[in-house]
Amino acid sequence: MAEHGLIEILPEVMQVAAAPGSPLAALGAAAADLHGPVSAVLDEIDGVIDPYRTPDALVPFLAGWVDLGWLTAVDAEVGSRPVLGIAPHRLRDLVAASADLSARRGTPAGLARFLHLATGVDGFLVQDVPGAFHVRVLVPTAAGDRIDLVRRLVDALRPAHVTSQVLMRPSVG
């Protein structure tokens, strides 16, 4: 906020009294200095809630806002390391896509998209077995080293009445 920004919102009679060097002008300048740090934070507030610009420490907080806080739960025995072990940049992607993921929650397409964003690997195939309340998740070879993570995510994301099976996708050769 400019030094005289506060003076400009005062009634006209006070603005006239706030001539340079007057006590009212000095008071206005002091008030503007006090508001400076707050104004600087508020001017950049969009960077705090943007998952790609916020500091790393705030990403789990944002995840909690969009119902993804369960991804950041920590193991008490290990300390501050998240139980699921999702990379921070993957968590940023999940937070950024949370509205779309929420809209598609409980669908094969939504599960495949979530797994893609959580692992960074494309090519997950989620098959809904007709009449069986069962989904089969085929994991691409590139995500083979994260099969445990995929299993835990599928268990957490599938509808409660649906069973699941996680298999490696046959490689095309």
Protein backbone atom coordinates (compact mmCIF):
# COMPACT_ATOMS: atom_id res chain seq x y z
CA MET A 1 0.00 0.00 0.00
CA ALA A 2 1.37 3.41 -0.91
CA GLU A 3 2.42 5.70 1.91
CA HIS A 4 -0.47 8.05 1.23
CA GLY A 5 -2.97 5.29 0.45
CA LEU A 6 -4.45 5.52 3.92
CA ILE A 7 -4.71 9.31 3.79
CA GLU A 8 -6.61 9.09 0.49
CA ILE A 9 -9.47 7.16 2.09
CA LEU A 10 -9.96 9.74 4.85
CA PRO A 11 -12.61 12.46 4.55
CA GLU A 12 -11.52 15.46 2.49
CA VAL A 13 -11.17 17.76 5.49
CA MET A 14 -8.63 15.35 7.01
CA GLN A 15 -6.79 14.92 3.70
CA VAL A 16 -6.25 18.67 3.61
CA ALA A 17 -4.96 18.57 7.19
CA ALA A 18 -2.46 15.84 6.24
CA ALA A 19 -0.10 18.22 4.50
CA PRO A 20 3.50 17.01 4.19
CA GLY A 21 5.29 17.33 7.53
CA SER A 22 2.09 17.41 9.56
CA PRO A 23 1.43 14.99 12.43
CA LEU A 24 -1.44 13.40 10.46
CA ALA A 25 0.87 12.78 7.48
CA ALA A 26 3.42 11.17 9.83
CA LEU A 27 0.69 9.02 11.38
CA GLY A 28 -0.47 7.97 7.89
CA ALA A 29 3.10 7.03 6.93
CA ALA A 30 3.56 5.01 10.13
CA ALA A 31 0.27 3.17 9.57
CA ALA A 32 1.25 2.39 5.99
CA ASP A 33 4.57 0.96 7.22
CA LEU A 34 2.72 -1.25 9.69
CA HIS A 35 0.39 -2.52 6.98
CA GLY A 36 3.20 -3.15 4.50
CA PRO A 37 4.07 -6.74 5.49
CA VAL A 38 0.41 -7.75 5.63
CA SER A 39 -0.26 -6.20 2.24
CA ALA A 40 2.74 -8.00 0.76
CA VAL A 41 1.37 -11.36 1.95
CA LEU A 42 -2.12 -10.59 0.69
CA ASP A 43 -0.75 -9.49 -2.69
CA GLU A 44 0.79 -12.96 -3.10
CA ILE A 45 -2.01 -15.03 -1.50
CA ASP A 46 -2.80 -16.82 -4.77
CA GLY A 47 0.68 -18.34 -4.62
CA VAL A 48 -0.12 -19.89 -1.25
CA ILE A 49 -3.17 -21.78 -2.51
CA ASP A 50 -1.70 -22.74 -5.89
CA PRO A 51 -0.36 -26.30 -5.49
CA TYR A 52 2.49 -25.63 -7.93
CA ARG A 53 3.66 -22.37 -6.30
CA THR A 54 3.08 -22.99 -2.61
CA PRO A 55 6.05 -23.94 -0.41
CA ASP A 56 6.62 -27.69 0.04
CA ALA A 57 5.53 -27.53 3.67
CA LEU A 58 2.06 -26.30 2.68
CA VAL A 59 1.29 -28.99 0.08
CA PRO A 60 0.03 -31.48 2.70
CA PHE A 61 -2.15 -28.70 4.15
CA LEU A 62 -3.67 -28.08 0.72
CA ALA A 63 -4.15 -31.82 0.28
CA GLY A 64 -6.23 -31.81 3.46
CA TRP A 65 -8.40 -29.03 2.04
CA VAL A 66 -9.35 -31.15 -0.97
CA ASP A 67 -9.93 -34.43 0.93
CA LEU A 68 -6.53 -35.89 0.09
CA GLY A 69 -5.08 -35.55 3.57
CA TRP A 70 -5.06 -39.34 3.93
CA LEU A 71 -2.24 -39.39 1.38
CA THR A 72 -0.01 -37.42 3.73
CA ALA A 73 -0.56 -39.45 6.91
CA VAL A 74 2.74 -40.18 8.59
CA ASP A 75 3.94 -43.36 10.26
CA ALA A 76 4.56 -42.68 13.96
CA GLU A 77 7.38 -45.25 14.04
CA VAL A 78 9.20 -43.79 11.04
CA GLY A 79 8.74 -40.14 11.93
CA SER A 80 7.69 -37.59 9.36
CA ARG A 81 7.85 -39.83 6.29
CA PRO A 82 4.40 -40.32 4.70
CA VAL A 83 3.08 -43.87 4.93
CA LEU A 84 2.22 -44.12 1.24
CA GLY A 85 5.45 -42.52 0.03
CA ILE A 86 3.95 -40.43 -2.75
CA ALA A 87 6.53 -38.01 -4.12
CA PRO A 88 5.84 -34.34 -3.27
CA HIS A 89 5.56 -33.30 -6.92
CA ARG A 90 3.00 -36.11 -7.44
CA LEU A 91 1.01 -34.81 -4.47
CA ARG A 92 1.00 -31.36 -6.11
CA ASP A 93 -0.46 -32.95 -9.27
CA LEU A 94 -3.15 -34.73 -7.25
CA VAL A 95 -4.13 -31.53 -5.43
CA ALA A 96 -4.28 -29.60 -8.71
CA ALA A 97 -6.53 -32.28 -10.26
CA SER A 98 -8.64 -32.83 -7.15
CA ALA A 99 -11.86 -31.37 -8.59
CA ASP A 100 -11.70 -33.69 -11.60
CA LEU A 101 -10.73 -36.65 -9.42
CA SER A 102 -13.61 -35.96 -7.06
CA ALA A 103 -16.09 -35.76 -9.94
CA ARG A 104 -14.90 -39.14 -11.25
CA ARG A 105 -14.52 -40.85 -7.87
CA GLY A 106 -15.69 -44.46 -7.85
CA THR A 107 -15.36 -44.89 -11.62
CA PRO A 108 -12.77 -46.93 -13.52
CA ALA A 109 -11.66 -43.78 -15.37
CA GLY A 110 -11.27 -41.88 -12.11
CA LEU A 111 -9.21 -44.66 -10.54
CA ALA A 112 -6.96 -44.90 -13.60
CA ARG A 113 -6.42 -41.11 -13.58
CA PHE A 114 -5.64 -41.12 -9.85
CA LEU A 115 -3.09 -43.93 -10.28
CA HIS A 116 -1.50 -42.11 -13.22
CA LEU A 117 -1.12 -38.89 -11.21
CA ALA A 118 0.09 -40.66 -8.05
CA THR A 119 2.77 -42.70 -9.82
CA GLY A 120 3.60 -40.52 -12.82
CA VAL A 121 3.15 -43.55 -15.09
CA ASP A 122 0.54 -43.62 -17.82
CA GLY A 123 -1.17 -46.76 -19.05
CA PHE A 124 -3.17 -48.07 -16.10
CA LEU A 125 -6.15 -50.08 -17.29
CA VAL A 126 -9.07 -50.47 -14.92
CA GLN A 127 -11.58 -53.08 -16.02
CA ASP A 128 -15.00 -53.27 -14.46
CA VAL A 129 -16.02 -56.94 -14.36
CA PRO A 130 -19.71 -56.97 -15.40
CA GLY A 131 -22.14 -58.24 -12.77
CA ALA A 132 -19.41 -59.11 -10.28
CA PHE A 133 -18.84 -55.90 -8.26
CA HIS A 134 -15.17 -56.40 -9.03
CA VAL A 135 -12.49 -54.31 -10.72
CA ARG A 136 -9.28 -55.55 -12.25
CA VAL A 137 -6.42 -53.07 -12.35
CA LEU A 138 -3.71 -53.78 -14.89
CA VAL A 139 -0.49 -52.01 -13.96
CA PRO A 140 1.92 -50.95 -16.73
CA THR A 141 5.41 -52.39 -16.60
CA ALA A 142 6.90 -48.95 -15.91
CA ALA A 143 5.04 -48.87 -12.57
CA GLY A 144 6.10 -52.36 -11.53
CA ASP A 145 8.41 -51.01 -8.83
CA ARG A 146 5.41 -49.23 -7.25
CA ILE A 147 3.00 -52.16 -7.20
CA ASP A 148 2.60 -51.99 -3.40
CA LEU A 149 1.65 -48.31 -3.61
CA VAL A 150 -0.83 -49.11 -6.39
CA ARG A 151 -2.43 -51.87 -4.30
CA ARG A 152 -2.81 -49.57 -1.29
CA LEU A 153 -4.30 -46.81 -3.44
CA VAL A 154 -6.74 -49.18 -5.12
CA ASP A 155 -7.85 -50.50 -1.72
CA ALA A 156 -8.39 -46.95 -0.48
CA LEU A 157 -10.15 -45.63 -3.58
CA ARG A 158 -12.41 -48.45 -4.74
CA PRO A 159 -16.02 -48.33 -3.59
CA ALA A 160 -16.56 -50.32 -0.38
CA HIS A 161 -18.84 -52.88 -2.04
CA VAL A 162 -16.36 -53.63 -4.84
CA THR A 163 -13.53 -56.15 -4.66
CA SER A 164 -10.32 -55.57 -6.56
CA GLN A 165 -7.46 -57.38 -8.17
CA VAL A 166 -4.17 -55.68 -9.10
CA LEU A 167 -2.10 -57.40 -11.79
CA MET A 168 0.90 -56.49 -13.88
CA ARG A 169 -0.11 -55.66 -17.41
CA PRO A 170 1.24 -58.19 -19.90
CA SER A 171 4.06 -56.63 -21.87
CA VAL A 172 3.56 -56.35 -25.60
CA GLY A 173 6.41 -58.15 -27.23
